[in-house]
N, C-alpha and C. Protein backbone atom coordinates (compact mmCIF):
# COMPACT_ATOMS: atom_id res chain seq x y z
N MET A 1 -57.80 7.95 32.94
CA MET A 1 -57.71 8.04 31.50
C MET A 1 -56.55 8.95 31.12
N ALA A 2 -55.87 8.59 30.04
CA ALA A 2 -54.77 9.41 29.55
C ALA A 2 -54.87 9.51 28.04
N GLY A 3 -54.71 10.71 27.51
CA GLY A 3 -54.77 10.92 26.08
C GLY A 3 -53.38 10.95 25.48
N PHE A 4 -53.26 10.42 24.26
CA PHE A 4 -51.99 10.49 23.55
C PHE A 4 -52.24 10.36 22.06
N ASN A 5 -51.30 10.86 21.27
CA ASN A 5 -51.42 10.81 19.82
C ASN A 5 -50.12 10.27 19.23
N PHE A 6 -50.24 9.67 18.04
CA PHE A 6 -49.09 9.12 17.36
C PHE A 6 -49.46 8.91 15.89
N PRO A 7 -48.46 8.68 15.02
CA PRO A 7 -48.74 8.50 13.60
C PRO A 7 -49.69 7.32 13.35
N LYS A 8 -50.61 7.52 12.43
CA LYS A 8 -51.56 6.48 12.07
C LYS A 8 -50.80 5.28 11.50
N SER A 9 -51.34 4.09 11.73
CA SER A 9 -50.75 2.84 11.25
C SER A 9 -49.40 2.54 11.88
N SER A 10 -49.18 2.97 13.11
CA SER A 10 -47.95 2.61 13.81
C SER A 10 -48.02 1.13 14.19
N THR A 11 -46.91 0.44 14.03
CA THR A 11 -46.85 -0.98 14.35
C THR A 11 -46.24 -1.18 15.73
N ASN A 12 -46.16 -2.44 16.14
CA ASN A 12 -45.55 -2.71 17.44
C ASN A 12 -44.02 -2.62 17.38
N ASN A 13 -43.46 -2.29 16.22
CA ASN A 13 -42.03 -2.04 16.08
C ASN A 13 -41.73 -0.56 15.85
N SER A 14 -42.74 0.28 15.96
CA SER A 14 -42.58 1.70 15.64
C SER A 14 -42.06 2.50 16.83
N LYS A 15 -41.60 3.72 16.54
CA LYS A 15 -41.16 4.64 17.61
C LYS A 15 -42.33 4.96 18.54
N ALA A 16 -43.54 5.02 17.99
CA ALA A 16 -44.72 5.31 18.82
C ALA A 16 -44.90 4.21 19.87
N PHE A 17 -44.80 2.96 19.44
CA PHE A 17 -44.96 1.87 20.40
C PHE A 17 -43.77 1.83 21.36
N GLY A 18 -42.59 2.16 20.86
CA GLY A 18 -41.42 2.23 21.73
C GLY A 18 -41.58 3.27 22.82
N THR A 19 -42.27 4.36 22.50
CA THR A 19 -42.49 5.43 23.47
C THR A 19 -43.64 5.12 24.42
N PHE A 20 -44.76 4.64 23.87
CA PHE A 20 -45.96 4.46 24.68
C PHE A 20 -46.21 3.02 25.12
N GLY A 21 -45.60 2.05 24.44
CA GLY A 21 -45.91 0.65 24.69
C GLY A 21 -45.71 0.22 26.12
N HIS A 22 -44.64 0.70 26.77
CA HIS A 22 -44.39 0.29 28.16
C HIS A 22 -45.42 0.87 29.14
N LEU A 23 -46.17 1.86 28.68
CA LEU A 23 -47.21 2.45 29.54
C LEU A 23 -48.55 1.73 29.38
N LEU A 24 -48.65 0.92 28.33
CA LEU A 24 -49.90 0.23 28.03
C LEU A 24 -49.76 -1.26 28.35
N THR A 25 -50.84 -1.84 28.83
CA THR A 25 -50.83 -3.28 29.12
C THR A 25 -52.00 -3.93 28.39
N LYS A 26 -52.04 -5.26 28.46
CA LYS A 26 -53.16 -5.97 27.83
C LYS A 26 -54.47 -5.66 28.53
N ASN A 27 -54.38 -5.05 29.73
CA ASN A 27 -55.59 -4.68 30.48
C ASN A 27 -56.09 -3.28 30.14
N ASN A 28 -55.46 -2.64 29.17
CA ASN A 28 -55.90 -1.31 28.75
C ASN A 28 -56.81 -1.40 27.55
N GLY A 29 -57.79 -0.52 27.51
CA GLY A 29 -58.59 -0.31 26.32
C GLY A 29 -58.23 1.06 25.78
N LEU A 30 -58.31 1.22 24.48
CA LEU A 30 -58.01 2.50 23.84
C LEU A 30 -59.28 3.03 23.20
N ILE A 31 -59.72 4.19 23.66
CA ILE A 31 -60.91 4.83 23.11
C ILE A 31 -60.47 5.77 22.00
N PHE A 32 -60.94 5.51 20.79
CA PHE A 32 -60.59 6.37 19.66
C PHE A 32 -61.29 7.72 19.82
N PHE A 33 -60.52 8.81 19.65
CA PHE A 33 -61.13 10.14 19.70
C PHE A 33 -61.18 10.79 18.32
N ALA A 34 -60.04 10.89 17.64
CA ALA A 34 -60.04 11.57 16.34
C ALA A 34 -58.75 11.28 15.60
N THR A 35 -58.77 11.56 14.30
CA THR A 35 -57.52 11.66 13.55
C THR A 35 -57.29 13.14 13.29
N ARG A 36 -56.04 13.50 13.12
CA ARG A 36 -55.74 14.90 12.82
C ARG A 36 -54.58 14.95 11.84
N LEU A 37 -54.57 16.01 11.07
CA LEU A 37 -53.55 16.20 10.04
C LEU A 37 -52.39 16.99 10.61
N GLN A 38 -51.21 16.40 10.55
CA GLN A 38 -49.98 17.07 10.98
C GLN A 38 -49.19 17.46 9.74
N GLY A 39 -48.47 18.56 9.84
CA GLY A 39 -47.66 18.98 8.71
C GLY A 39 -46.72 20.09 9.08
N LEU A 40 -46.13 20.66 8.06
CA LEU A 40 -45.17 21.74 8.24
C LEU A 40 -45.90 23.08 8.19
N ALA A 41 -45.64 23.91 9.17
CA ALA A 41 -46.16 25.28 9.17
C ALA A 41 -45.02 26.19 8.75
N VAL A 42 -45.33 27.11 7.83
CA VAL A 42 -44.34 28.06 7.31
C VAL A 42 -44.99 29.43 7.21
N ALA A 43 -44.16 30.45 7.04
CA ALA A 43 -44.67 31.82 6.91
C ALA A 43 -45.58 31.92 5.69
N PRO A 44 -46.52 32.87 5.70
CA PRO A 44 -47.42 33.05 4.55
C PRO A 44 -46.62 33.25 3.26
N GLY A 45 -47.04 32.55 2.21
CA GLY A 45 -46.35 32.63 0.93
C GLY A 45 -45.16 31.69 0.83
N ASN A 46 -44.83 31.03 1.93
CA ASN A 46 -43.75 30.05 1.97
C ASN A 46 -42.46 30.60 1.34
N PRO A 47 -41.90 31.68 1.92
CA PRO A 47 -40.74 32.34 1.32
C PRO A 47 -39.51 31.46 1.15
N LYS A 48 -39.34 30.46 2.00
CA LYS A 48 -38.17 29.56 1.89
C LYS A 48 -38.43 28.38 0.96
N LYS A 49 -39.64 28.30 0.41
CA LYS A 49 -40.03 27.22 -0.51
C LYS A 49 -39.78 25.84 0.12
N ILE A 50 -40.35 25.66 1.30
CA ILE A 50 -40.22 24.40 2.03
C ILE A 50 -41.48 23.58 1.78
N TYR A 51 -41.31 22.43 1.15
CA TYR A 51 -42.45 21.57 0.86
C TYR A 51 -42.31 20.17 1.46
N SER A 52 -41.16 19.90 2.07
CA SER A 52 -40.92 18.58 2.65
C SER A 52 -39.85 18.69 3.73
N ILE A 53 -39.66 17.60 4.44
CA ILE A 53 -38.61 17.54 5.45
C ILE A 53 -37.24 17.63 4.77
N LEU A 54 -37.12 17.06 3.58
CA LEU A 54 -35.85 17.15 2.85
C LEU A 54 -35.51 18.61 2.56
N ASP A 55 -36.53 19.43 2.30
CA ASP A 55 -36.29 20.86 2.03
C ASP A 55 -35.77 21.57 3.27
N ILE A 56 -36.20 21.15 4.45
CA ILE A 56 -35.70 21.78 5.69
C ILE A 56 -34.19 21.63 5.75
N ALA A 57 -33.72 20.42 5.47
CA ALA A 57 -32.28 20.15 5.52
C ALA A 57 -31.54 20.84 4.37
N SER A 58 -32.04 20.69 3.16
CA SER A 58 -31.29 21.21 2.00
C SER A 58 -31.29 22.73 1.93
N ARG A 59 -32.33 23.38 2.43
CA ARG A 59 -32.40 24.84 2.38
C ARG A 59 -31.86 25.48 3.66
N LYS A 60 -31.37 24.66 4.58
CA LYS A 60 -30.83 25.15 5.86
C LYS A 60 -31.84 26.05 6.57
N ALA A 61 -33.10 25.65 6.52
CA ALA A 61 -34.16 26.42 7.17
C ALA A 61 -34.06 26.25 8.68
N LYS A 62 -34.43 27.30 9.40
CA LYS A 62 -34.44 27.24 10.87
C LYS A 62 -35.71 26.51 11.31
N PHE A 63 -35.51 25.43 12.02
CA PHE A 63 -36.59 24.55 12.45
C PHE A 63 -36.77 24.66 13.96
N ILE A 64 -37.98 24.44 14.44
CA ILE A 64 -38.22 24.31 15.88
C ILE A 64 -38.91 22.98 16.10
N ASN A 65 -38.36 22.19 17.00
CA ASN A 65 -38.80 20.82 17.23
C ASN A 65 -39.74 20.76 18.43
N ARG A 66 -40.32 19.61 18.65
CA ARG A 66 -41.14 19.37 19.84
C ARG A 66 -40.35 18.51 20.82
N ARG A 67 -40.80 18.52 22.05
CA ARG A 67 -40.12 17.79 23.10
C ARG A 67 -40.17 16.28 22.83
N GLU A 68 -39.09 15.58 23.20
CA GLU A 68 -39.03 14.14 23.05
C GLU A 68 -40.16 13.50 23.84
N GLY A 69 -40.80 12.49 23.23
CA GLY A 69 -41.92 11.81 23.88
C GLY A 69 -43.28 12.31 23.43
N THR A 70 -43.31 13.43 22.71
CA THR A 70 -44.60 13.91 22.18
C THR A 70 -44.89 13.19 20.86
N GLY A 71 -46.16 13.08 20.53
CA GLY A 71 -46.55 12.45 19.28
C GLY A 71 -45.95 13.15 18.07
N THR A 72 -45.88 14.47 18.14
CA THR A 72 -45.33 15.24 17.02
C THR A 72 -43.85 14.93 16.83
N ARG A 73 -43.10 14.82 17.93
CA ARG A 73 -41.68 14.49 17.84
C ARG A 73 -41.48 13.07 17.30
N ILE A 74 -42.32 12.15 17.75
CA ILE A 74 -42.26 10.77 17.25
C ILE A 74 -42.45 10.76 15.74
N LEU A 75 -43.46 11.49 15.27
CA LEU A 75 -43.73 11.57 13.84
C LEU A 75 -42.52 12.12 13.10
N PHE A 76 -41.96 13.22 13.58
CA PHE A 76 -40.82 13.84 12.91
C PHE A 76 -39.63 12.89 12.87
N ASP A 77 -39.32 12.26 14.00
CA ASP A 77 -38.18 11.34 14.04
C ASP A 77 -38.39 10.14 13.13
N GLN A 78 -39.62 9.62 13.05
CA GLN A 78 -39.90 8.51 12.14
C GLN A 78 -39.68 8.94 10.69
N MET A 79 -40.10 10.15 10.37
CA MET A 79 -39.93 10.64 9.00
C MET A 79 -38.44 10.84 8.67
N LEU A 80 -37.69 11.34 9.63
CA LEU A 80 -36.24 11.47 9.42
C LEU A 80 -35.62 10.11 9.12
N ASP A 81 -36.03 9.09 9.89
CA ASP A 81 -35.51 7.74 9.67
C ASP A 81 -35.83 7.24 8.27
N VAL A 82 -37.08 7.40 7.86
CA VAL A 82 -37.52 6.92 6.55
C VAL A 82 -36.74 7.63 5.43
N LEU A 83 -36.48 8.91 5.61
CA LEU A 83 -35.80 9.70 4.58
C LEU A 83 -34.27 9.65 4.71
N ALA A 84 -33.77 8.94 5.72
CA ALA A 84 -32.32 8.84 5.99
C ALA A 84 -31.69 10.21 6.19
N VAL A 85 -32.42 11.08 6.89
CA VAL A 85 -31.90 12.41 7.25
C VAL A 85 -31.46 12.33 8.71
N LYS A 86 -30.24 12.77 8.98
CA LYS A 86 -29.73 12.75 10.35
C LYS A 86 -30.20 14.01 11.08
N PRO A 87 -30.50 13.89 12.38
CA PRO A 87 -30.94 15.06 13.15
C PRO A 87 -29.98 16.25 13.02
N GLU A 88 -28.68 16.00 12.96
CA GLU A 88 -27.72 17.10 12.85
C GLU A 88 -27.79 17.84 11.51
N GLU A 89 -28.51 17.29 10.55
CA GLU A 89 -28.72 17.97 9.27
C GLU A 89 -29.85 18.99 9.35
N ILE A 90 -30.59 18.97 10.45
CA ILE A 90 -31.72 19.88 10.65
C ILE A 90 -31.29 21.00 11.60
N GLU A 91 -31.18 22.21 11.07
CA GLU A 91 -30.81 23.36 11.92
C GLU A 91 -31.97 23.65 12.87
N GLY A 92 -31.71 23.53 14.17
CA GLY A 92 -32.75 23.76 15.17
C GLY A 92 -33.37 22.48 15.69
N TYR A 93 -32.83 21.33 15.31
CA TYR A 93 -33.40 20.06 15.78
C TYR A 93 -33.49 20.03 17.31
N ASN A 94 -32.53 20.61 17.99
CA ASN A 94 -32.52 20.61 19.46
C ASN A 94 -33.18 21.83 20.07
N ASP A 95 -33.74 22.72 19.26
CA ASP A 95 -34.51 23.86 19.77
C ASP A 95 -35.94 23.38 20.01
N ILE A 96 -36.41 23.50 21.23
CA ILE A 96 -37.65 22.84 21.64
C ILE A 96 -38.79 23.83 21.86
N SER A 97 -39.95 23.43 21.36
CA SER A 97 -41.21 24.11 21.62
C SER A 97 -42.07 23.17 22.46
N ASP A 98 -42.67 23.70 23.51
CA ASP A 98 -43.51 22.85 24.37
C ASP A 98 -44.92 22.66 23.82
N THR A 99 -45.34 23.52 22.91
CA THR A 99 -46.70 23.41 22.35
C THR A 99 -46.69 23.75 20.87
N GLN A 100 -47.72 23.28 20.19
CA GLN A 100 -47.90 23.64 18.79
C GLN A 100 -48.09 25.15 18.63
N PHE A 101 -48.79 25.73 19.59
CA PHE A 101 -49.08 27.16 19.52
C PHE A 101 -47.80 27.98 19.62
N PHE A 102 -46.89 27.56 20.48
CA PHE A 102 -45.61 28.25 20.59
C PHE A 102 -44.84 28.10 19.28
N THR A 103 -44.88 26.92 18.69
CA THR A 103 -44.24 26.70 17.38
C THR A 103 -44.79 27.70 16.37
N ALA A 104 -46.11 27.82 16.30
CA ALA A 104 -46.74 28.73 15.33
C ALA A 104 -46.35 30.18 15.59
N VAL A 105 -46.30 30.58 16.85
CA VAL A 105 -45.92 31.96 17.19
C VAL A 105 -44.48 32.23 16.77
N GLN A 106 -43.59 31.26 16.98
CA GLN A 106 -42.19 31.43 16.59
C GLN A 106 -42.06 31.60 15.08
N ILE A 107 -42.86 30.87 14.32
CA ILE A 107 -42.83 31.00 12.85
C ILE A 107 -43.44 32.34 12.44
N ALA A 108 -44.60 32.67 13.01
CA ALA A 108 -45.28 33.93 12.66
C ALA A 108 -44.42 35.15 12.97
N SER A 109 -43.59 35.06 14.02
CA SER A 109 -42.75 36.19 14.41
C SER A 109 -41.43 36.24 13.62
N GLY A 110 -41.19 35.21 12.80
CA GLY A 110 -39.97 35.18 11.98
C GLY A 110 -38.74 34.67 12.71
N LYS A 111 -38.92 34.16 13.92
CA LYS A 111 -37.77 33.64 14.68
C LYS A 111 -37.27 32.31 14.12
N VAL A 112 -38.18 31.53 13.55
CA VAL A 112 -37.82 30.29 12.87
C VAL A 112 -38.59 30.23 11.55
N ASP A 113 -38.14 29.33 10.67
CA ASP A 113 -38.76 29.23 9.35
C ASP A 113 -39.87 28.19 9.28
N VAL A 114 -39.74 27.13 10.09
CA VAL A 114 -40.64 25.99 9.92
C VAL A 114 -40.72 25.17 11.21
N GLY A 115 -41.88 24.52 11.39
CA GLY A 115 -42.09 23.60 12.50
C GLY A 115 -43.29 22.73 12.19
N LEU A 116 -43.47 21.70 12.98
CA LEU A 116 -44.61 20.81 12.80
C LEU A 116 -45.75 21.25 13.71
N CYS A 117 -46.96 21.20 13.17
CA CYS A 117 -48.16 21.44 13.97
C CYS A 117 -49.35 20.90 13.20
N THR A 118 -50.52 21.03 13.78
CA THR A 118 -51.73 20.59 13.11
C THR A 118 -52.23 21.68 12.16
N ALA A 119 -53.06 21.27 11.22
CA ALA A 119 -53.60 22.20 10.23
C ALA A 119 -54.35 23.35 10.89
N ASN A 120 -55.13 23.05 11.93
CA ASN A 120 -55.93 24.11 12.55
C ASN A 120 -55.05 25.15 13.25
N VAL A 121 -53.95 24.73 13.88
CA VAL A 121 -53.07 25.68 14.56
C VAL A 121 -52.38 26.58 13.53
N ALA A 122 -51.96 26.01 12.42
CA ALA A 122 -51.35 26.82 11.36
C ALA A 122 -52.36 27.86 10.86
N LYS A 123 -53.57 27.41 10.60
CA LYS A 123 -54.62 28.31 10.09
C LYS A 123 -54.92 29.43 11.08
N GLU A 124 -55.06 29.07 12.37
CA GLU A 124 -55.37 30.07 13.40
C GLU A 124 -54.30 31.16 13.50
N ASN A 125 -53.08 30.83 13.11
CA ASN A 125 -51.97 31.77 13.22
C ASN A 125 -51.57 32.37 11.89
N GLY A 126 -52.41 32.19 10.86
CA GLY A 126 -52.17 32.80 9.56
C GLY A 126 -50.98 32.24 8.82
N LEU A 127 -50.62 30.99 9.07
CA LEU A 127 -49.47 30.37 8.44
C LEU A 127 -49.89 29.46 7.29
N ASP A 128 -49.00 29.25 6.35
CA ASP A 128 -49.23 28.25 5.31
C ASP A 128 -48.95 26.88 5.91
N PHE A 129 -49.62 25.86 5.36
CA PHE A 129 -49.54 24.52 5.92
C PHE A 129 -49.29 23.51 4.82
N ILE A 130 -48.28 22.67 5.01
CA ILE A 130 -47.96 21.60 4.07
C ILE A 130 -48.25 20.28 4.77
N PRO A 131 -49.33 19.57 4.39
CA PRO A 131 -49.70 18.32 5.07
C PRO A 131 -48.62 17.25 4.90
N LEU A 132 -48.37 16.50 5.98
CA LEU A 132 -47.39 15.40 5.93
C LEU A 132 -48.00 14.05 6.29
N ALA A 133 -48.80 14.01 7.35
CA ALA A 133 -49.28 12.71 7.82
C ALA A 133 -50.51 12.87 8.70
N LYS A 134 -51.24 11.76 8.83
CA LYS A 134 -52.36 11.71 9.77
C LYS A 134 -51.89 11.07 11.06
N GLU A 135 -52.38 11.62 12.15
CA GLU A 135 -52.13 11.05 13.47
C GLU A 135 -53.46 10.61 14.06
N VAL A 136 -53.39 9.68 14.98
CA VAL A 136 -54.58 9.27 15.71
C VAL A 136 -54.44 9.69 17.16
N TYR A 137 -55.57 10.03 17.75
CA TYR A 137 -55.61 10.44 19.15
C TYR A 137 -56.51 9.46 19.89
N TYR A 138 -55.95 8.83 20.92
CA TYR A 138 -56.68 7.86 21.74
C TYR A 138 -56.70 8.31 23.20
N LEU A 139 -57.68 7.78 23.92
CA LEU A 139 -57.74 7.88 25.37
C LEU A 139 -57.53 6.47 25.90
N ALA A 140 -56.51 6.28 26.71
CA ALA A 140 -56.23 4.96 27.28
C ALA A 140 -56.87 4.85 28.66
N ALA A 141 -57.42 3.69 28.95
CA ALA A 141 -58.05 3.45 30.26
C ALA A 141 -57.98 1.96 30.58
N ASP A 142 -58.01 1.65 31.86
CA ASP A 142 -58.05 0.27 32.29
C ASP A 142 -59.38 -0.35 31.87
N GLU A 143 -59.33 -1.60 31.38
CA GLU A 143 -60.56 -2.26 30.91
C GLU A 143 -61.61 -2.38 32.01
N LYS A 144 -61.18 -2.54 33.26
CA LYS A 144 -62.14 -2.63 34.37
C LYS A 144 -62.90 -1.31 34.52
N PHE A 145 -62.17 -0.20 34.34
CA PHE A 145 -62.84 1.11 34.40
C PHE A 145 -63.84 1.25 33.26
N LEU A 146 -63.49 0.72 32.09
CA LEU A 146 -64.37 0.84 30.92
C LEU A 146 -65.69 0.09 31.11
N GLU A 147 -65.75 -0.82 32.09
CA GLU A 147 -66.98 -1.55 32.37
C GLU A 147 -67.87 -0.82 33.37
N THR A 148 -67.38 0.28 33.95
CA THR A 148 -68.18 1.01 34.94
C THR A 148 -69.25 1.86 34.25
N ALA A 149 -70.26 2.21 35.01
CA ALA A 149 -71.36 3.04 34.49
C ALA A 149 -70.83 4.40 34.05
N LYS A 150 -69.89 4.96 34.82
CA LYS A 150 -69.33 6.27 34.48
C LYS A 150 -68.62 6.24 33.13
N ALA A 151 -67.82 5.20 32.90
CA ALA A 151 -67.10 5.09 31.64
C ALA A 151 -68.06 4.85 30.48
N LYS A 152 -69.04 4.00 30.69
CA LYS A 152 -70.02 3.71 29.63
C LYS A 152 -70.79 4.97 29.24
N LYS A 153 -71.11 5.77 30.24
CA LYS A 153 -71.81 7.04 29.97
C LYS A 153 -70.91 7.98 29.16
N PHE A 154 -69.63 8.05 29.53
CA PHE A 154 -68.68 8.90 28.82
C PHE A 154 -68.51 8.43 27.37
N ILE A 155 -68.37 7.13 27.16
CA ILE A 155 -68.21 6.58 25.81
C ILE A 155 -69.47 6.85 24.99
N GLN A 156 -70.63 6.71 25.59
CA GLN A 156 -71.88 7.01 24.89
C GLN A 156 -71.93 8.47 24.49
N PHE A 157 -71.47 9.35 25.38
CA PHE A 157 -71.40 10.77 25.06
C PHE A 157 -70.50 10.99 23.84
N LEU A 158 -69.31 10.38 23.84
CA LEU A 158 -68.39 10.55 22.71
C LEU A 158 -69.02 10.09 21.41
N ARG A 159 -69.74 8.98 21.47
CA ARG A 159 -70.34 8.41 20.25
C ARG A 159 -71.53 9.23 19.75
N SER A 160 -72.27 9.82 20.66
CA SER A 160 -73.51 10.49 20.26
C SER A 160 -73.35 11.99 20.02
N TYR A 161 -72.25 12.57 20.49
CA TYR A 161 -72.07 14.02 20.35
C TYR A 161 -71.91 14.38 18.88
N ASP A 162 -72.45 15.52 18.48
CA ASP A 162 -72.33 15.99 17.10
C ASP A 162 -71.02 16.76 16.94
N TRP A 163 -69.96 16.04 16.59
CA TRP A 163 -68.63 16.64 16.46
C TRP A 163 -68.52 17.51 15.21
N ALA A 164 -69.51 17.44 14.32
CA ALA A 164 -69.47 18.20 13.07
C ALA A 164 -69.32 19.70 13.31
N GLU A 165 -69.87 20.20 14.42
CA GLU A 165 -69.78 21.64 14.69
C GLU A 165 -68.34 22.09 14.89
N PHE A 166 -67.44 21.16 15.19
CA PHE A 166 -66.04 21.52 15.40
C PHE A 166 -65.21 21.40 14.13
N LYS A 167 -65.79 20.86 13.06
CA LYS A 167 -65.02 20.64 11.82
C LYS A 167 -64.41 21.93 11.30
N ASP A 168 -65.14 23.02 11.33
CA ASP A 168 -64.61 24.29 10.83
C ASP A 168 -63.55 24.85 11.75
N GLN A 169 -63.73 24.68 13.05
CA GLN A 169 -62.76 25.18 14.02
C GLN A 169 -61.49 24.33 14.04
N LEU A 170 -61.64 23.05 13.81
CA LEU A 170 -60.51 22.12 13.90
C LEU A 170 -60.19 21.53 12.53
N GLU A 171 -59.71 22.38 11.65
CA GLU A 171 -59.37 21.94 10.30
C GLU A 171 -58.38 20.78 10.37
N GLY A 172 -58.63 19.77 9.56
CA GLY A 172 -57.74 18.62 9.52
C GLY A 172 -58.09 17.52 10.51
N TYR A 173 -59.10 17.75 11.36
CA TYR A 173 -59.54 16.71 12.31
C TYR A 173 -60.68 15.91 11.69
N ASP A 174 -60.74 14.63 12.01
CA ASP A 174 -61.83 13.76 11.56
C ASP A 174 -62.31 12.97 12.77
N PHE A 175 -63.58 13.10 13.08
CA PHE A 175 -64.15 12.45 14.26
C PHE A 175 -64.95 11.20 13.91
N THR A 176 -64.77 10.67 12.70
CA THR A 176 -65.45 9.44 12.31
C THR A 176 -64.98 8.29 13.20
N GLY A 177 -65.90 7.67 13.90
CA GLY A 177 -65.55 6.55 14.78
C GLY A 177 -65.23 6.93 16.20
N THR A 178 -65.44 8.19 16.55
CA THR A 178 -65.17 8.63 17.92
C THR A 178 -65.96 7.78 18.91
N GLY A 179 -65.28 7.31 19.95
CA GLY A 179 -65.92 6.51 20.98
C GLY A 179 -65.75 5.01 20.81
N GLU A 180 -65.19 4.57 19.68
CA GLU A 180 -64.94 3.14 19.51
C GLU A 180 -63.81 2.72 20.44
N VAL A 181 -63.94 1.53 21.02
CA VAL A 181 -62.94 1.03 21.97
C VAL A 181 -62.18 -0.12 21.32
N PHE A 182 -60.85 -0.07 21.45
CA PHE A 182 -59.97 -1.07 20.86
C PHE A 182 -59.05 -1.66 21.92
N LYS A 183 -58.53 -2.84 21.62
CA LYS A 183 -57.46 -3.42 22.41
C LYS A 183 -56.14 -2.82 21.91
N VAL A 184 -55.12 -2.82 22.77
CA VAL A 184 -53.81 -2.31 22.38
C VAL A 184 -53.29 -3.07 21.15
N SER A 185 -53.51 -4.39 21.12
CA SER A 185 -53.04 -5.21 19.98
C SER A 185 -53.77 -4.89 18.68
N ASP A 186 -54.98 -4.33 18.77
CA ASP A 186 -55.71 -3.92 17.56
C ASP A 186 -55.11 -2.65 16.97
N VAL A 187 -54.55 -1.81 17.83
CA VAL A 187 -54.04 -0.51 17.41
C VAL A 187 -52.60 -0.62 16.93
N PHE A 188 -51.75 -1.23 17.76
CA PHE A 188 -50.35 -1.43 17.39
C PHE A 188 -50.21 -2.82 16.82
N THR A 189 -50.46 -2.95 15.52
CA THR A 189 -50.43 -4.26 14.87
C THR A 189 -49.00 -4.70 14.61
N ALA A 190 -48.85 -5.97 14.32
CA ALA A 190 -47.53 -6.50 13.98
C ALA A 190 -47.05 -5.89 12.68
N ASP A 191 -45.76 -5.67 12.60
CA ASP A 191 -45.15 -5.12 11.39
C ASP A 191 -45.31 -6.13 10.25
N ALA A 192 -45.77 -5.65 9.10
CA ALA A 192 -46.02 -6.52 7.96
C ALA A 192 -44.75 -7.09 7.36
N SER A 193 -43.60 -6.47 7.62
CA SER A 193 -42.36 -6.94 6.98
C SER A 193 -41.78 -8.15 7.66
């Protein structure tokens, strides 16, 4: 099993599918785990008045990015494309954080002005949070494995566990539908255009 996250409603023409699609086959099942809220983390009080990705570029804010191939980086790059913002317009686009927590520490220490992370990581580090998008988190597994007793027991655990106790700890997460199994084609739908 392998876990991965990407922007919700990604199509088979999206950066998410471009990154993960070659790793998935028609023989894979995707177990839904959760959705989570991704956004911009900034210092308390938002001193640079950053409310969007456009503000990062126009205010010349110091940004810290995530490593290429991560769901967070995919989300950021997709948003840059939609907004027609070039990576070179973002100061710090090539400065890399390996984790959301490192991103939050860099912002909290004043080394950078802004970065992407989940709502709960921003909250845990005393940062202000500007929501941008929902991401989905799946566990990928071979369909043959999903038919085994071990996998069925695990999926039953996911479905029956009371995830509500984590709602306060994991702000921005939604566990509605945890344990549902999908085909790759159900998740990465054809582009409507």
